[in-house]
């Protein structure tokens, strides 16, 4: 599998990192960055590691995985041999559809 990041995933990742760095500590932002990247890298060898993002939608290709710090989700989708990171979401944030897809 290869790992790709959507433009939106890059934007949400950078925005979260910047927010943490500006409002807390740069060291915490560095730890956040490392955690998100390490979590995403796990998907290269095992794309099914995460859970279905929308179990009721019957779309097992739309998934999410909780980062080690347990505060952030990495949403992704499986596109053949590609794992595409779609968005980084704070665990307490309500996120209806990070994929921008029409779901039942």
PDB file of N, CA and C in Angstrom:
ATOM      1  N   UNK A   1       0.841  -1.182   0.000  1.00  0.00           N
ATOM      2  CA  UNK A   1       0.000   0.000   0.000  1.00  0.00           C
ATOM      3  C   UNK A   1       0.888   1.249   0.000  1.00  0.00           C
ATOM      4  N   UNK A   2       0.366   2.285  -0.598  1.00  0.00           N
ATOM      5  CA  UNK A   2       1.029   3.575  -0.527  1.00  0.00           C
ATOM      6  C   UNK A   2       0.126   4.537   0.235  1.00  0.00           C
ATOM      7  N   UNK A   3       0.733   5.500   0.867  1.00  0.00           N
ATOM      8  CA  UNK A   3       0.009   6.474   1.678  1.00  0.00           C
ATOM      9  C   UNK A   3      -0.001   7.808   0.959  1.00  0.00           C
ATOM     10  N   UNK A   4      -1.186   8.400   0.841  1.00  0.00           N
ATOM     11  CA  UNK A   4      -1.329   9.725   0.256  1.00  0.00           C
ATOM     12  C   UNK A   4      -2.150  10.585   1.210  1.00  0.00           C
ATOM     13  N   UNK A   5      -1.918  11.880   1.142  1.00  0.00           N
ATOM     14  CA  UNK A   5      -2.664  12.841   1.950  1.00  0.00           C
ATOM     15  C   UNK A   5      -3.465  13.733   1.021  1.00  0.00           C
ATOM     16  N   UNK A   6      -4.762  13.863   1.279  1.00  0.00           N
ATOM     17  CA  UNK A   6      -5.558  14.801   0.495  1.00  0.00           C
ATOM     18  C   UNK A   6      -5.157  16.224   0.884  1.00  0.00           C
ATOM     19  N   UNK A   7      -5.471  17.161   0.019  1.00  0.00           N
ATOM     20  CA  UNK A   7      -5.188  18.565   0.336  1.00  0.00           C
ATOM     21  C   UNK A   7      -5.891  18.977   1.626  1.00  0.00           C
ATOM     22  N   UNK A   8      -7.116  18.502   1.808  1.00  0.00           N
ATOM     23  CA  UNK A   8      -7.868  18.858   3.009  1.00  0.00           C
ATOM     24  C   UNK A   8      -7.228  18.258   4.260  1.00  0.00           C
ATOM     25  N   UNK A   9      -6.717  17.044   4.153  1.00  0.00           N
ATOM     26  CA  UNK A   9      -6.032  16.423   5.288  1.00  0.00           C
ATOM     27  C   UNK A   9      -4.801  17.230   5.682  1.00  0.00           C
ATOM     28  N   UNK A  10      -4.054  17.675   4.694  1.00  0.00           N
ATOM     29  CA  UNK A  10      -2.871  18.492   4.972  1.00  0.00           C
ATOM     30  C   UNK A  10      -3.284  19.793   5.657  1.00  0.00           C
ATOM     31  N   UNK A  11      -4.361  20.401   5.175  1.00  0.00           N
ATOM     32  CA  UNK A  11      -4.845  21.653   5.772  1.00  0.00           C
ATOM     33  C   UNK A  11      -5.290  21.450   7.217  1.00  0.00           C
ATOM     34  N   UNK A  12      -6.053  20.396   7.488  1.00  0.00           N
ATOM     35  CA  UNK A  12      -6.538  20.181   8.861  1.00  0.00           C
ATOM     36  C   UNK A  12      -5.397  19.803   9.792  1.00  0.00           C
ATOM     37  N   UNK A  13      -4.443  19.036   9.288  1.00  0.00           N
ATOM     38  CA  UNK A  13      -3.280  18.662  10.082  1.00  0.00           C
ATOM     39  C   UNK A  13      -2.468  19.905  10.445  1.00  0.00           C
ATOM     40  N   UNK A  14      -2.188  20.740   9.461  1.00  0.00           N
ATOM     41  CA  UNK A  14      -1.406  21.953   9.702  1.00  0.00           C
ATOM     42  C   UNK A  14      -2.141  22.915  10.637  1.00  0.00           C
ATOM     43  N   UNK A  15      -3.441  23.065  10.438  1.00  0.00           N
ATOM     44  CA  UNK A  15      -4.220  23.969  11.291  1.00  0.00           C
ATOM     45  C   UNK A  15      -4.204  23.502  12.740  1.00  0.00           C
ATOM     46  N   UNK A  16      -4.360  22.201  12.955  1.00  0.00           N
ATOM     47  CA  UNK A  16      -4.333  21.666  14.316  1.00  0.00           C
ATOM     48  C   UNK A  16      -2.956  21.854  14.945  1.00  0.00           C
ATOM     49  N   UNK A  17      -1.914  21.565  14.192  1.00  0.00           N
ATOM     50  CA  UNK A  17      -0.555  21.717  14.696  1.00  0.00           C
ATOM     51  C   UNK A  17      -0.258  23.179  15.040  1.00  0.00           C
ATOM     52  N   UNK A  18      -0.657  24.084  14.157  1.00  0.00           N
ATOM     53  CA  UNK A  18      -0.448  25.512  14.412  1.00  0.00           C
ATOM     54  C   UNK A  18      -1.212  25.976  15.644  1.00  0.00           C
ATOM     55  N   UNK A  19      -2.431  25.510  15.787  1.00  0.00           N
ATOM     56  CA  UNK A  19      -3.247  25.890  16.946  1.00  0.00           C
ATOM     57  C   UNK A  19      -2.569  25.436  18.245  1.00  0.00           C
ATOM     58  N   UNK A  20      -2.110  24.192  18.254  1.00  0.00           N
ATOM     59  CA  UNK A  20      -1.449  23.662  19.448  1.00  0.00           C
ATOM     60  C   UNK A  20      -0.172  24.448  19.751  1.00  0.00           C
ATOM     61  N   UNK A  21       0.617  24.720  18.724  1.00  0.00           N
ATOM     62  CA  UNK A  21       1.873  25.448  18.916  1.00  0.00           C
ATOM     63  C   UNK A  21       1.631  26.866  19.419  1.00  0.00           C
ATOM     64  N   UNK A  22       0.612  27.522  18.889  1.00  0.00           N
ATOM     65  CA  UNK A  22       0.339  28.917  19.249  1.00  0.00           C
ATOM     66  C   UNK A  22      -0.374  29.085  20.584  1.00  0.00           C
ATOM     67  N   UNK A  23      -1.150  28.083  20.991  1.00  0.00           N
ATOM     68  CA  UNK A  23      -1.952  28.217  22.202  1.00  0.00           C
ATOM     69  C   UNK A  23      -1.450  27.393  23.378  1.00  0.00           C
ATOM     70  N   UNK A  24      -0.524  26.503  23.128  1.00  0.00           N
ATOM     71  CA  UNK A  24       0.015  25.678  24.194  1.00  0.00           C
ATOM     72  C   UNK A  24       1.545  25.734  24.128  1.00  0.00           C
ATOM     73  N   UNK A  25       2.149  24.624  23.724  1.00  0.00           N
ATOM     74  CA  UNK A  25       3.605  24.561  23.668  1.00  0.00           C
ATOM     75  C   UNK A  25       4.061  24.008  22.326  1.00  0.00           C
ATOM     76  N   UNK A  26       5.173  24.513  21.824  1.00  0.00           N
ATOM     77  CA  UNK A  26       5.729  23.989  20.572  1.00  0.00           C
ATOM     78  C   UNK A  26       6.084  22.514  20.714  1.00  0.00           C
ATOM     79  N   UNK A  27       6.540  22.132  21.894  1.00  0.00           N
ATOM     80  CA  UNK A  27       6.901  20.735  22.126  1.00  0.00           C
ATOM     81  C   UNK A  27       5.675  19.827  22.008  1.00  0.00           C
ATOM     82  N   UNK A  28       4.530  20.314  22.486  1.00  0.00           N
ATOM     83  CA  UNK A  28       3.298  19.543  22.375  1.00  0.00           C
ATOM     84  C   UNK A  28       2.892  19.425  20.905  1.00  0.00           C
ATOM     85  N   UNK A  29       3.063  20.491  20.144  1.00  0.00           N
ATOM     86  CA  UNK A  29       2.762  20.445  18.711  1.00  0.00           C
ATOM     87  C   UNK A  29       3.687  19.449  18.009  1.00  0.00           C
ATOM     88  N   UNK A  30       4.951  19.426  18.383  1.00  0.00           N
ATOM     89  CA  UNK A  30       5.890  18.470  17.796  1.00  0.00           C
ATOM     90  C   UNK A  30       5.468  17.032  18.111  1.00  0.00           C
ATOM     91  N   UNK A  31       5.045  16.794  19.353  1.00  0.00           N
ATOM     92  CA  UNK A  31       4.586  15.461  19.748  1.00  0.00           C
ATOM     93  C   UNK A  31       3.315  15.085  18.985  1.00  0.00           C
ATOM     94  N   UNK A  32       2.407  16.050  18.818  1.00  0.00           N
ATOM     95  CA  UNK A  32       1.191  15.833  18.044  1.00  0.00           C
ATOM     96  C   UNK A  32       1.543  15.446  16.611  1.00  0.00           C
ATOM     97  N   UNK A  33       2.430  16.211  15.986  1.00  0.00           N
ATOM     98  CA  UNK A  33       2.844  15.929  14.609  1.00  0.00           C
ATOM     99  C   UNK A  33       3.395  14.510  14.486  1.00  0.00           C
ATOM    100  N   UNK A  34       4.282  14.150  15.388  1.00  0.00           N
ATOM    101  CA  UNK A  34       4.902  12.826  15.349  1.00  0.00           C
ATOM    102  C   UNK A  34       3.858  11.729  15.534  1.00  0.00           C
ATOM    103  N   UNK A  35       2.898  11.953  16.427  1.00  0.00           N
ATOM    104  CA  UNK A  35       1.857  10.966  16.687  1.00  0.00           C
ATOM    105  C   UNK A  35       0.972  10.766  15.462  1.00  0.00           C
ATOM    106  N   UNK A  36       0.533  11.844  14.851  1.00  0.00           N
ATOM    107  CA  UNK A  36      -0.330  11.735  13.665  1.00  0.00           C
ATOM    108  C   UNK A  36       0.418  11.033  12.532  1.00  0.00           C
ATOM    109  N   UNK A  37       1.649  11.432  12.289  1.00  0.00           N
ATOM    110  CA  UNK A  37       2.425  10.816  11.209  1.00  0.00           C
ATOM    111  C   UNK A  37       2.680   9.334  11.467  1.00  0.00           C
ATOM    112  N   UNK A  38       3.013   8.975  12.710  1.00  0.00           N
ATOM    113  CA  UNK A  38       3.253   7.571  13.052  1.00  0.00           C
ATOM    114  C   UNK A  38       1.975   6.749  12.898  1.00  0.00           C
ATOM    115  N   UNK A  39       0.849   7.330  13.295  1.00  0.00           N
ATOM    116  CA  UNK A  39      -0.437   6.633  13.160  1.00  0.00           C
ATOM    117  C   UNK A  39      -0.756   6.392  11.688  1.00  0.00           C
ATOM    118  N   UNK A  40      -0.585   7.410  10.861  1.00  0.00           N
ATOM    119  CA  UNK A  40      -0.850   7.263   9.432  1.00  0.00           C
ATOM    120  C   UNK A  40       0.090   6.227   8.796  1.00  0.00           C
ATOM    121  N   UNK A  41       1.332   6.214   9.214  1.00  0.00           N
ATOM    122  CA  UNK A  41       2.308   5.270   8.663  1.00  0.00           C
ATOM    123  C   UNK A  41       1.927   3.816   8.962  1.00  0.00           C
ATOM    124  N   UNK A  42       1.252   3.573  10.079  1.00  0.00           N
ATOM    125  CA  UNK A  42       0.810   2.219  10.411  1.00  0.00           C
ATOM    126  C   UNK A  42      -0.104   1.647   9.337  1.00  0.00           C
ATOM    127  N   UNK A  43      -0.825   2.519   8.655  1.00  0.00           N
ATOM    128  CA  UNK A  43      -1.816   2.088   7.672  1.00  0.00           C
ATOM    129  C   UNK A  43      -1.185   1.525   6.403  1.00  0.00           C
ATOM    130  N   UNK A  44       0.079   1.812   6.167  1.00  0.00           N
ATOM    131  CA  UNK A  44       0.753   1.299   4.970  1.00  0.00           C
ATOM    132  C   UNK A  44       0.785  -0.227   4.994  1.00  0.00           C
ATOM    133  N   UNK A  45       1.065  -0.795   6.153  1.00  0.00           N
ATOM    134  CA  UNK A  45       1.162  -2.249   6.278  1.00  0.00           C
ATOM    135  C   UNK A  45      -0.163  -2.915   6.623  1.00  0.00           C
ATOM    136  N   UNK A  46      -1.105  -2.147   7.170  1.00  0.00           N
ATOM    137  CA  UNK A  46      -2.379  -2.742   7.566  1.00  0.00           C
ATOM    138  C   UNK A  46      -3.482  -1.690   7.487  1.00  0.00           C
ATOM    139  N   UNK A  47      -4.031  -1.506   6.301  1.00  0.00           N
ATOM    140  CA  UNK A  47      -5.048  -0.481   6.081  1.00  0.00           C
ATOM    141  C   UNK A  47      -6.331  -0.755   6.855  1.00  0.00           C
ATOM    142  N   UNK A  48      -6.567  -1.991   7.227  1.00  0.00           N
ATOM    143  CA  UNK A  48      -7.796  -2.331   7.950  1.00  0.00           C
ATOM    144  C   UNK A  48      -7.638  -2.156   9.459  1.00  0.00           C
ATOM    145  N   UNK A  49      -6.539  -1.595   9.887  1.00  0.00           N
ATOM    146  CA  UNK A  49      -6.259  -1.429  11.314  1.00  0.00           C
ATOM    147  C   UNK A  49      -7.297  -0.556  12.010  1.00  0.00           C
ATOM    148  N   UNK A  50      -7.758   0.469  11.354  1.00  0.00           N
ATOM    149  CA  UNK A  50      -8.764   1.356  11.934  1.00  0.00           C
ATOM    150  C   UNK A  50     -10.140   0.724  11.906  1.00  0.00           C
ATOM    151  N   UNK A  51     -11.106   1.472  12.402  1.00  0.00           N
ATOM    152  CA  UNK A  51     -12.500   1.016  12.417  1.00  0.00           C
ATOM    153  C   UNK A  51     -13.271   1.725  11.312  1.00  0.00           C
ATOM    154  N   UNK A  52     -14.417   1.152  10.950  1.00  0.00           N
ATOM    155  CA  UNK A  52     -15.263   1.808   9.959  1.00  0.00           C
ATOM    156  C   UNK A  52     -15.712   3.157  10.493  1.00  0.00           C
ATOM    157  N   UNK A  53     -15.570   4.185   9.692  1.00  0.00           N
ATOM    158  CA  UNK A  53     -15.969   5.526  10.115  1.00  0.00           C
ATOM    159  C   UNK A  53     -17.481   5.654  10.191  1.00  0.00           C
ATOM    160  N   UNK A  54     -18.182   4.959   9.311  1.00  0.00           N
ATOM    161  CA  UNK A  54     -19.647   5.031   9.244  1.00  0.00           C
ATOM    162  C   UNK A  54     -20.214   3.619   9.090  1.00  0.00           C
ATOM    163  N   UNK A  55     -20.297   2.860  10.173  1.00  0.00           N
ATOM    164  CA  UNK A  55     -20.739   1.465  10.072  1.00  0.00           C
ATOM    165  C   UNK A  55     -22.124   1.304   9.442  1.00  0.00           C
ATOM    166  N   UNK A  56     -23.007   2.252   9.661  1.00  0.00           N
ATOM    167  CA  UNK A  56     -24.364   2.144   9.108  1.00  0.00           C
ATOM    168  C   UNK A  56     -24.410   2.404   7.612  1.00  0.00           C
ATOM    169  N   UNK A  57     -23.367   2.967   7.045  1.00  0.00           N
ATOM    170  CA  UNK A  57     -23.345   3.314   5.624  1.00  0.00           C
ATOM    171  C   UNK A  57     -22.896   2.145   4.745  1.00  0.00           C
ATOM    172  N   UNK A  58     -22.440   1.055   5.368  1.00  0.00           N
ATOM    173  CA  UNK A  58     -21.940  -0.095   4.619  1.00  0.00           C
ATOM    174  C   UNK A  58     -20.819   0.317   3.654  1.00  0.00           C
ATOM    175  N   UNK A  59     -19.880   1.096   4.163  1.00  0.00           N
ATOM    176  CA  UNK A  59     -18.720   1.553   3.396  1.00  0.00           C
ATOM    177  C   UNK A  59     -17.452   1.213   4.178  1.00  0.00           C
ATOM    178  N   UNK A  60     -17.022  -0.051   4.149  1.00  0.00           N
ATOM    179  CA  UNK A  60     -15.831  -0.437   4.907  1.00  0.00           C
ATOM    180  C   UNK A  60     -14.547   0.234   4.433  1.00  0.00           C
ATOM    181  N   UNK A  61     -14.592   0.899   3.276  1.00  0.00           N
ATOM    182  CA  UNK A  61     -13.414   1.599   2.764  1.00  0.00           C
ATOM    183  C   UNK A  61     -13.209   2.951   3.441  1.00  0.00           C
ATOM    184  N   UNK A  62     -14.236   3.469   4.120  1.00  0.00           N
ATOM    185  CA  UNK A  62     -14.138   4.742   4.837  1.00  0.00           C
ATOM    186  C   UNK A  62     -13.862   4.427   6.301  1.00  0.00           C
ATOM    187  N   UNK A  63     -12.670   4.777   6.761  1.00  0.00           N
ATOM    188  CA  UNK A  63     -12.226   4.313   8.074  1.00  0.00           C
ATOM    189  C   UNK A  63     -11.622   5.449   8.891  1.00  0.00           C
ATOM    190  N   UNK A  64     -11.391   5.164  10.161  1.00  0.00           N
ATOM    191  CA  UNK A  64     -10.716   6.105  11.042  1.00  0.00           C
ATOM    192  C   UNK A  64      -9.895   5.312  12.038  1.00  0.00           C
ATOM    193  N   UNK A  65      -8.827   5.945  12.509  1.00  0.00           N
ATOM    194  CA  UNK A  65      -7.961   5.320  13.501  1.00  0.00           C
ATOM    195  C   UNK A  65      -7.602   6.378  14.533  1.00  0.00           C
ATOM    196  N   UNK A  66      -7.658   5.991  15.776  1.00  0.00           N
ATOM    197  CA  UNK A  66      -7.358   6.903  16.871  1.00  0.00           C
ATOM    198  C   UNK A  66      -5.854   6.948  17.096  1.00  0.00           C
ATOM    199  N   UNK A  67      -5.331   8.152  17.188  1.00  0.00           N
ATOM    200  CA  UNK A  67      -3.897   8.319  17.449  1.00  0.00           C
ATOM    201  C   UNK A  67      -3.554   7.797  18.846  1.00  0.00           C
ATOM    202  N   UNK A  68      -2.288   7.531  19.056  1.00  0.00           N
ATOM    203  CA  UNK A  68      -1.811   7.019  20.338  1.00  0.00           C
ATOM    204  C   UNK A  68      -2.202   7.935  21.504  1.00  0.00           C
ATOM    205  N   UNK A  69      -2.210   9.245  21.284  1.00  0.00           N
ATOM    206  CA  UNK A  69      -2.553  10.179  22.363  1.00  0.00           C
ATOM    207  C   UNK A  69      -4.044  10.157  22.700  1.00  0.00           C
ATOM    208  N   UNK A  70      -4.828   9.460  21.882  1.00  0.00           N
ATOM    209  CA  UNK A  70      -6.260   9.253  22.075  1.00  0.00           C
ATOM    210  C   UNK A  70      -7.074  10.543  22.011  1.00  0.00           C
ATOM    211  N   UNK A  71      -6.504  11.598  21.454  1.00  0.00           N
ATOM    212  CA  UNK A  71      -7.215  12.868  21.314  1.00  0.00           C
ATOM    213  C   UNK A  71      -7.560  13.210  19.874  1.00  0.00           C
ATOM    214  N   UNK A  72      -6.992  12.523  18.924  1.00  0.00           N
ATOM    215  CA  UNK A  72      -7.167  12.859  17.515  1.00  0.00           C
ATOM    216  C   UNK A  72      -7.450  11.622  16.689  1.00  0.00           C
ATOM    217  N   UNK A  73      -8.378  11.763  15.739  1.00  0.00           N
ATOM    218  CA  UNK A  73      -8.684  10.716  14.767  1.00  0.00           C
ATOM    219  C   UNK A  73      -7.998  11.040  13.444  1.00  0.00           C
ATOM    220  N   UNK A  74      -7.505  10.017  12.795  1.00  0.00           N
ATOM    221  CA  UNK A  74      -7.046  10.118  11.415  1.00  0.00           C
ATOM    222  C   UNK A  74      -8.110   9.409  10.572  1.00  0.00           C
ATOM    223  N   UNK A  75      -8.848  10.184   9.780  1.00  0.00           N
ATOM    224  CA  UNK A  75      -9.844   9.616   8.872  1.00  0.00           C
ATOM    225  C   UNK A  75      -9.145   9.300   7.553  1.00  0.00           C
ATOM    226  N   UNK A  76      -9.482   8.149   6.980  1.00  0.00           N
ATOM    227  CA  UNK A  76      -8.852   7.750   5.731  1.00  0.00           C
ATOM    228  C   UNK A  76      -9.791   6.864   4.929  1.00  0.00           C
ATOM    229  N   UNK A  77      -9.431   6.691   3.672  1.00  0.00           N
ATOM    230  CA  UNK A  77     -10.186   5.758   2.848  1.00  0.00           C
ATOM    231  C   UNK A  77      -9.225   4.905   2.054  1.00  0.00           C
ATOM    232  N   UNK A  78      -9.679   3.722   1.734  1.00  0.00           N
ATOM    233  CA  UNK A  78      -8.866   2.760   1.004  1.00  0.00           C
ATOM    234  C   UNK A  78      -9.308   2.810  -0.460  1.00  0.00           C
ATOM    235  N   UNK A  79      -8.377   3.150  -1.314  1.00  0.00           N
ATOM    236  CA  UNK A  79      -8.629   3.258  -2.752  1.00  0.00           C
ATOM    237  C   UNK A  79      -7.709   2.279  -3.472  1.00  0.00           C
ATOM    238  N   UNK A  80      -8.099   1.026  -3.522  1.00  0.00           N
ATOM    239  CA  UNK A  80      -7.245  -0.005  -4.130  1.00  0.00           C
ATOM    240  C   UNK A  80      -5.986  -0.196  -3.318  1.00  0.00           C
ATOM    241  N   UNK A  81      -4.853   0.115  -3.908  1.00  0.00           N
ATOM    242  CA  UNK A  81      -3.561  -0.021  -3.237  1.00  0.00           C
ATOM    243  C   UNK A  81      -3.113   1.282  -2.581  1.00  0.00           C
ATOM    244  N   UNK A  82      -4.005   2.249  -2.485  1.00  0.00           N
ATOM    245  CA  UNK A  82      -3.690   3.545  -1.900  1.00  0.00           C
ATOM    246  C   UNK A  82      -4.525   3.747  -0.640  1.00  0.00           C
ATOM    247  N   UNK A  83      -3.873   4.204   0.409  1.00  0.00           N
ATOM    248  CA  UNK A  83      -4.565   4.662   1.604  1.00  0.00           C
ATOM    249  C   UNK A  83      -4.484   6.185   1.572  1.00  0.00           C
ATOM    250  N   UNK A  84      -5.644   6.830   1.480  1.00  0.00           N
ATOM    251  CA  UNK A  84      -5.680   8.285   1.410  1.00  0.00           C
ATOM    252  C   UNK A  84      -6.162   8.859   2.738  1.00  0.00           C
ATOM    253  N   UNK A  85      -5.291   9.588   3.402  1.00  0.00           N
ATOM    254  CA  UNK A  85      -5.684  10.295   4.616  1.00  0.00           C
ATOM    255  C   UNK A  85      -6.583  11.444   4.176  1.00  0.00           C
ATOM    256  N   UNK A  86      -7.774  11.530   4.778  1.00  0.00           N
ATOM    257  CA  UNK A  86      -8.776  12.508   4.357  1.00  0.00           C
ATOM    258  C   UNK A  86      -8.881  13.705   5.279  1.00  0.00           C
ATOM    259  N   UNK A  87      -8.649  13.473   6.581  1.00  0.00           N
ATOM    260  CA  UNK A  87      -8.813  14.569   7.535  1.00  0.00           C
ATOM    261  C   UNK A  87      -8.264  14.148   8.894  1.00  0.00           C
ATOM    262  N   UNK A  88      -7.822  15.144   9.662  1.00  0.00           N
ATOM    263  CA  UNK A  88      -7.422  14.943  11.050  1.00  0.00           C
ATOM    264  C   UNK A  88      -8.471  15.655  11.893  1.00  0.00           C
ATOM    265  N   UNK A  89      -9.053  14.932  12.859  1.00  0.00           N
ATOM    266  CA  UNK A  89     -10.193  15.456  13.611  1.00  0.00           C
ATOM    267  C   UNK A  89      -9.960  15.265  15.105  1.00  0.00           C
ATOM    268  N   UNK A  90     -10.195  16.335  15.859  1.00  0.00           N
ATOM    269  CA  UNK A  90     -10.136  16.249  17.314  1.00  0.00           C
ATOM    270  C   UNK A  90     -11.212  15.281  17.787  1.00  0.00           C
ATOM    271  N   UNK A  91     -10.888  14.400  18.710  1.00  0.00           N
ATOM    272  CA  UNK A  91     -11.793  13.328  19.112  1.00  0.00           C
ATOM    273  C   UNK A  91     -13.112  13.824  19.687  1.00  0.00           C
ATOM    274  N   UNK A  92     -13.128  14.993  20.286  1.00  0.00           N
ATOM    275  CA  UNK A  92     -14.366  15.513  20.857  1.00  0.00           C
ATOM    276  C   UNK A  92     -15.162  16.365  19.873  1.00  0.00           C
ATOM    277  N   UNK A  93     -14.618  16.542  18.694  1.00  0.00           N
ATOM    278  CA  UNK A  93     -15.291  17.338  17.669  1.00  0.00           C
ATOM    279  C   UNK A  93     -16.316  16.480  16.938  1.00  0.00           C
ATOM    280  N   UNK A  94     -17.490  17.018  16.725  1.00  0.00           N
ATOM    281  CA  UNK A  94     -18.492  16.316  15.945  1.00  0.00           C
ATOM    282  C   UNK A  94     -18.110  16.464  14.482  1.00  0.00           C
ATOM    283  N   UNK A  95     -17.976  15.359  13.812  1.00  0.00           N
ATOM    284  CA  UNK A  95     -17.565  15.387  12.410  1.00  0.00           C
ATOM    285  C   UNK A  95     -18.547  14.549  11.604  1.00  0.00           C
ATOM    286  N   UNK A  96     -19.376  15.204  10.847  1.00  0.00           N
ATOM    287  CA  UNK A  96     -20.433  14.515  10.121  1.00  0.00           C
ATOM    288  C   UNK A  96     -19.879  13.689   8.960  1.00  0.00           C
ATOM    289  N   UNK A  97     -19.040  14.275   8.113  1.00  0.00           N
ATOM    290  CA  UNK A  97     -18.579  13.568   6.924  1.00  0.00           C
ATOM    291  C   UNK A  97     -17.275  14.162   6.396  1.00  0.00           C
ATOM    292  N   UNK A  98     -16.137  13.700   6.876  1.00  0.00           N
ATOM    293  CA  UNK A  98     -14.868  14.265   6.422  1.00  0.00           C
ATOM    294  C   UNK A  98     -14.516  13.894   4.987  1.00  0.00           C
ATOM    295  N   UNK A  99     -15.268  12.965   4.409  1.00  0.00           N
ATOM    296  CA  UNK A  99     -14.955  12.524   3.057  1.00  0.00           C
ATOM    297  C   UNK A  99     -15.701  13.329   2.004  1.00  0.00           C
ATOM    298  N   UNK A 100     -16.683  14.096   2.408  1.00  0.00           N
ATOM    299  CA  UNK A 100     -17.477  14.883   1.472  1.00  0.00           C
ATOM    300  C   UNK A 100     -18.321  14.023   0.556  1.00  0.00           C
ATOM    301  N   UNK A 101     -18.687  12.843   1.021  1.00  0.00           N
ATOM    302  CA  UNK A 101     -19.478  11.919   0.203  1.00  0.00           C
ATOM    303  C   UNK A 101     -20.929  11.911   0.638  1.00  0.00           C
ATOM    304  N   UNK A 102     -21.804  11.518  -0.249  1.00  0.00           N
ATOM    305  CA  UNK A 102     -23.204  11.335   0.099  1.00  0.00           C
ATOM    306  C   UNK A 102     -23.347   9.961   0.722  1.00  0.00           C
ATOM    307  N   UNK A 103     -23.765   9.951   1.960  1.00  0.00           N
ATOM    308  CA  UNK A 103     -23.922   8.672   2.676  1.00  0.00           C
ATOM    309  C   UNK A 103     -25.389   8.464   3.019  1.00  0.00           C
ATOM    310  N   UNK A 104     -25.824   7.212   3.055  1.00  0.00           N
ATOM    311  CA  UNK A 104     -27.234   6.939   3.386  1.00  0.00           C
ATOM    312  C   UNK A 104     -27.559   7.298   4.810  1.00  0.00           C
TER     313      UNK A 104
END
